[in-house]
Amino acid sequence: MTHATEEQLTIRTDEVRKSPTDSGSVVMIVRRPTVDQREVLGSAELNVAEGIAGDNWSQRSSKRTDDGSPHPDMQLNLINSRVSAILADDPDQRALAGDQLHVDSATKHDNSIMI
């Protein structure tokens, strides 16, 4: 795997700043059925018990709970799809980020864009 140069990252960062702030779309859905395994899905069922059905969230420990159980507020992880594209050109490589939803959207806050 090759890494982008600083110049390439700067150019790509400008593209991230163009993320829509008034709407968005899910670009990629990734399920983690077991540790270190990823499945890119065309659609997914969301539920309270697992987040994405078949994801291993409910089996993973968390450092953010007193007893190490899965954190109930962390079932789904989102990443801006333009950011994940900076990290890897290949969608299979993007899936390794660990985020289940790659979304083309950002939140505008004052004069800055929150990704």
C-alpha atoms as a PDB file:
ATOM      1  CA  MET A   1       0.000   0.000   0.000  1.00  0.00           C
ATOM      2  CA  THR A   2       1.383   3.400  -0.948  1.00  0.00           C
ATOM      3  CA  HIS A   3       0.805   6.539   1.079  1.00  0.00           C
ATOM      4  CA  ALA A   4      -0.247   9.911  -0.292  1.00  0.00           C
ATOM      5  CA  THR A   5       2.247  12.752  -0.354  1.00  0.00           C
ATOM      6  CA  GLU A   6       1.669  15.915   1.675  1.00  0.00           C
ATOM      7  CA  GLU A   7       0.743  17.762  -1.521  1.00  0.00           C
ATOM      8  CA  GLN A   8      -1.817  15.093  -2.458  1.00  0.00           C
ATOM      9  CA  LEU A   9      -3.309  15.223   1.035  1.00  0.00           C
ATOM     10  CA  THR A  10      -3.628  19.009   0.846  1.00  0.00           C
ATOM     11  CA  ILE A  11      -5.446  18.816  -2.491  1.00  0.00           C
ATOM     12  CA  ARG A  12      -7.734  16.076  -1.191  1.00  0.00           C
ATOM     13  CA  THR A  13      -8.441  18.018   1.997  1.00  0.00           C
ATOM     14  CA  ASP A  14      -9.904  20.813  -0.126  1.00  0.00           C
ATOM     15  CA  GLU A  15     -12.359  18.231  -1.501  1.00  0.00           C
ATOM     16  CA  VAL A  16     -13.387  17.285   2.052  1.00  0.00           C
ATOM     17  CA  ARG A  17     -14.258  20.920   2.745  1.00  0.00           C
ATOM     18  CA  LYS A  18     -16.790  20.695  -0.104  1.00  0.00           C
ATOM     19  CA  SER A  19     -18.826  18.069   1.790  1.00  0.00           C
ATOM     20  CA  PRO A  20     -22.527  18.938   1.816  1.00  0.00           C
ATOM     21  CA  THR A  21     -23.732  20.501   5.060  1.00  0.00           C
ATOM     22  CA  ASP A  22     -27.472  20.549   4.405  1.00  0.00           C
ATOM     23  CA  SER A  23     -27.905  16.959   3.244  1.00  0.00           C
ATOM     24  CA  GLY A  24     -25.893  13.811   2.841  1.00  0.00           C
ATOM     25  CA  SER A  25     -25.792  10.251   1.646  1.00  0.00           C
ATOM     26  CA  VAL A  26     -24.438   6.938   2.846  1.00  0.00           C
ATOM     27  CA  VAL A  27     -21.615   6.005   0.495  1.00  0.00           C
ATOM     28  CA  MET A  28     -20.456   2.768   2.120  1.00  0.00           C
ATOM     29  CA  ILE A  29     -21.749   0.423   4.816  1.00  0.00           C
ATOM     30  CA  VAL A  30     -19.243  -1.832   6.560  1.00  0.00           C
ATOM     31  CA  ARG A  31     -20.059  -4.664   8.947  1.00  0.00           C
ATOM     32  CA  ARG A  32     -17.459  -6.146  11.303  1.00  0.00           C
ATOM     33  CA  PRO A  33     -18.587  -9.751  11.839  1.00  0.00           C
ATOM     34  CA  THR A  34     -15.458 -10.713  13.804  1.00  0.00           C
ATOM     35  CA  VAL A  35     -12.261  -9.020  14.928  1.00  0.00           C
ATOM     36  CA  ASP A  36     -10.134  -7.893  11.942  1.00  0.00           C
ATOM     37  CA  GLN A  37     -12.823  -8.880   9.416  1.00  0.00           C
ATOM     38  CA  ARG A  38     -14.869  -6.432   7.328  1.00  0.00           C
ATOM     39  CA  GLU A  39     -17.791  -6.880   4.947  1.00  0.00           C
ATOM     40  CA  VAL A  40     -18.867  -4.083   2.613  1.00  0.00           C
ATOM     41  CA  LEU A  41     -22.666  -4.218   2.331  1.00  0.00           C
ATOM     42  CA  GLY A  42     -25.147  -2.805  -0.160  1.00  0.00           C
ATOM     43  CA  SER A  43     -27.713  -2.331   2.616  1.00  0.00           C
ATOM     44  CA  ALA A  44     -27.972  -3.071   6.314  1.00  0.00           C
ATOM     45  CA  GLU A  45     -30.528  -3.561   9.039  1.00  0.00           C
ATOM     46  CA  LEU A  46     -30.069  -1.315  12.070  1.00  0.00           C
ATOM     47  CA  ASN A  47     -31.261  -2.494  15.468  1.00  0.00           C
ATOM     48  CA  VAL A  48     -30.830  -1.545  19.111  1.00  0.00           C
ATOM     49  CA  ALA A  49     -29.080  -4.788  20.120  1.00  0.00           C
ATOM     50  CA  GLU A  50     -26.283  -4.779  17.534  1.00  0.00           C
ATOM     51  CA  GLY A  51     -26.255  -1.453  15.745  1.00  0.00           C
ATOM     52  CA  ILE A  52     -25.796  -3.002  12.309  1.00  0.00           C
ATOM     53  CA  ALA A  53     -27.215  -6.540  12.314  1.00  0.00           C
ATOM     54  CA  GLY A  54     -24.352  -9.031  12.299  1.00  0.00           C
ATOM     55  CA  ASP A  55     -21.758  -6.527  13.537  1.00  0.00           C
ATOM     56  CA  ASN A  56     -19.596  -7.607  16.455  1.00  0.00           C
ATOM     57  CA  TRP A  57     -20.157  -4.384  18.432  1.00  0.00           C
ATOM     58  CA  SER A  58     -22.151  -6.230  21.096  1.00  0.00           C
ATOM     59  CA  GLN A  59     -19.246  -8.638  21.672  1.00  0.00           C
ATOM     60  CA  ARG A  60     -16.489  -6.036  21.998  1.00  0.00           C
ATOM     61  CA  SER A  61     -15.321  -4.582  25.279  1.00  0.00           C
ATOM     62  CA  SER A  62     -15.032  -0.849  25.856  1.00  0.00           C
ATOM     63  CA  LYS A  63     -12.598   1.149  27.961  1.00  0.00           C
ATOM     64  CA  ARG A  64     -15.353   3.743  28.367  1.00  0.00           C
ATOM     65  CA  THR A  65     -17.654   1.626  30.547  1.00  0.00           C
ATOM     66  CA  ASP A  66     -16.914   0.799  34.180  1.00  0.00           C
ATOM     67  CA  ASP A  67     -17.313  -2.954  33.672  1.00  0.00           C
ATOM     68  CA  GLY A  68     -15.721  -3.126  30.195  1.00  0.00           C
ATOM     69  CA  SER A  69     -19.016  -3.993  28.508  1.00  0.00           C
ATOM     70  CA  PRO A  70     -19.856  -2.577  25.066  1.00  0.00           C
ATOM     71  CA  HIS A  71     -20.639   1.136  25.291  1.00  0.00           C
ATOM     72  CA  PRO A  72     -24.343   1.657  24.479  1.00  0.00           C
ATOM     73  CA  ASP A  73     -23.677   5.027  22.833  1.00  0.00           C
ATOM     74  CA  MET A  74     -21.065   3.657  20.440  1.00  0.00           C
ATOM     75  CA  GLN A  75     -22.927   1.068  18.363  1.00  0.00           C
ATOM     76  CA  LEU A  76     -22.329   2.939  15.106  1.00  0.00           C
ATOM     77  CA  ASN A  77     -19.276   4.835  13.968  1.00  0.00           C
ATOM     78  CA  LEU A  78     -19.448   7.347  11.147  1.00  0.00           C
ATOM     79  CA  ILE A  79     -16.683   8.774   9.012  1.00  0.00           C
ATOM     80  CA  ASN A  80     -16.920  11.374   6.292  1.00  0.00           C
ATOM     81  CA  SER A  81     -16.595   9.392   3.058  1.00  0.00           C
ATOM     82  CA  ARG A  82     -14.294  12.040   1.588  1.00  0.00           C
ATOM     83  CA  VAL A  83     -11.957  11.604   4.550  1.00  0.00           C
ATOM     84  CA  SER A  84     -11.919   7.816   4.139  1.00  0.00           C
ATOM     85  CA  ALA A  85     -11.139   8.351   0.437  1.00  0.00           C
ATOM     86  CA  ILE A  86      -8.101  10.403   1.482  1.00  0.00           C
ATOM     87  CA  LEU A  87      -6.914   7.535   3.619  1.00  0.00           C
ATOM     88  CA  ALA A  88      -7.303   4.919   0.890  1.00  0.00           C
ATOM     89  CA  ASP A  89      -8.248   4.936  -2.788  1.00  0.00           C
ATOM     90  CA  ASP A  90      -9.451   1.321  -2.696  1.00  0.00           C
ATOM     91  CA  PRO A  91     -12.885   0.839  -1.007  1.00  0.00           C
ATOM     92  CA  ASP A  92     -11.692  -2.444   0.517  1.00  0.00           C
ATOM     93  CA  GLN A  93      -8.902  -0.525   2.235  1.00  0.00           C
ATOM     94  CA  ARG A  94     -11.378   2.168   3.392  1.00  0.00           C
ATOM     95  CA  ALA A  95     -13.410  -0.526   5.124  1.00  0.00           C
ATOM     96  CA  LEU A  96     -10.449  -1.217   7.414  1.00  0.00           C
ATOM     97  CA  ALA A  97     -10.941   2.162   9.142  1.00  0.00           C
ATOM     98  CA  GLY A  98     -13.441   0.466  11.474  1.00  0.00           C
ATOM     99  CA  ASP A  99     -16.280   2.896  10.840  1.00  0.00           C
ATOM    100  CA  GLN A 100     -19.516   1.254   9.745  1.00  0.00           C
ATOM    101  CA  LEU A 101     -21.058   4.206   7.910  1.00  0.00           C
ATOM    102  CA  HIS A 102     -19.076   6.273   5.402  1.00  0.00           C
ATOM    103  CA  VAL A 103     -21.242   9.347   4.832  1.00  0.00           C
ATOM    104  CA  ASP A 104     -20.882  12.216   2.372  1.00  0.00           C
ATOM    105  CA  SER A 105     -21.946  14.948   4.774  1.00  0.00           C
ATOM    106  CA  ALA A 106     -20.518  17.380   7.287  1.00  0.00           C
ATOM    107  CA  THR A 107     -21.867  19.666   9.962  1.00  0.00           C
ATOM    108  CA  LYS A 108     -21.354  23.381   9.568  1.00  0.00           C
ATOM    109  CA  HIS A 109     -20.439  25.044  12.843  1.00  0.00           C
ATOM    110  CA  ASP A 110     -19.890  28.811  12.808  1.00  0.00           C
ATOM    111  CA  ASN A 111     -17.401  29.386   9.986  1.00  0.00           C
ATOM    112  CA  SER A 112     -15.842  25.940  10.038  1.00  0.00           C
ATOM    113  CA  ILE A 113     -16.855  22.514   8.789  1.00  0.00           C
ATOM    114  CA  MET A 114     -17.069  19.694  11.324  1.00  0.00           C
ATOM    115  CA  ILE A 115     -16.288  16.337   9.763  1.00  0.00           C
END
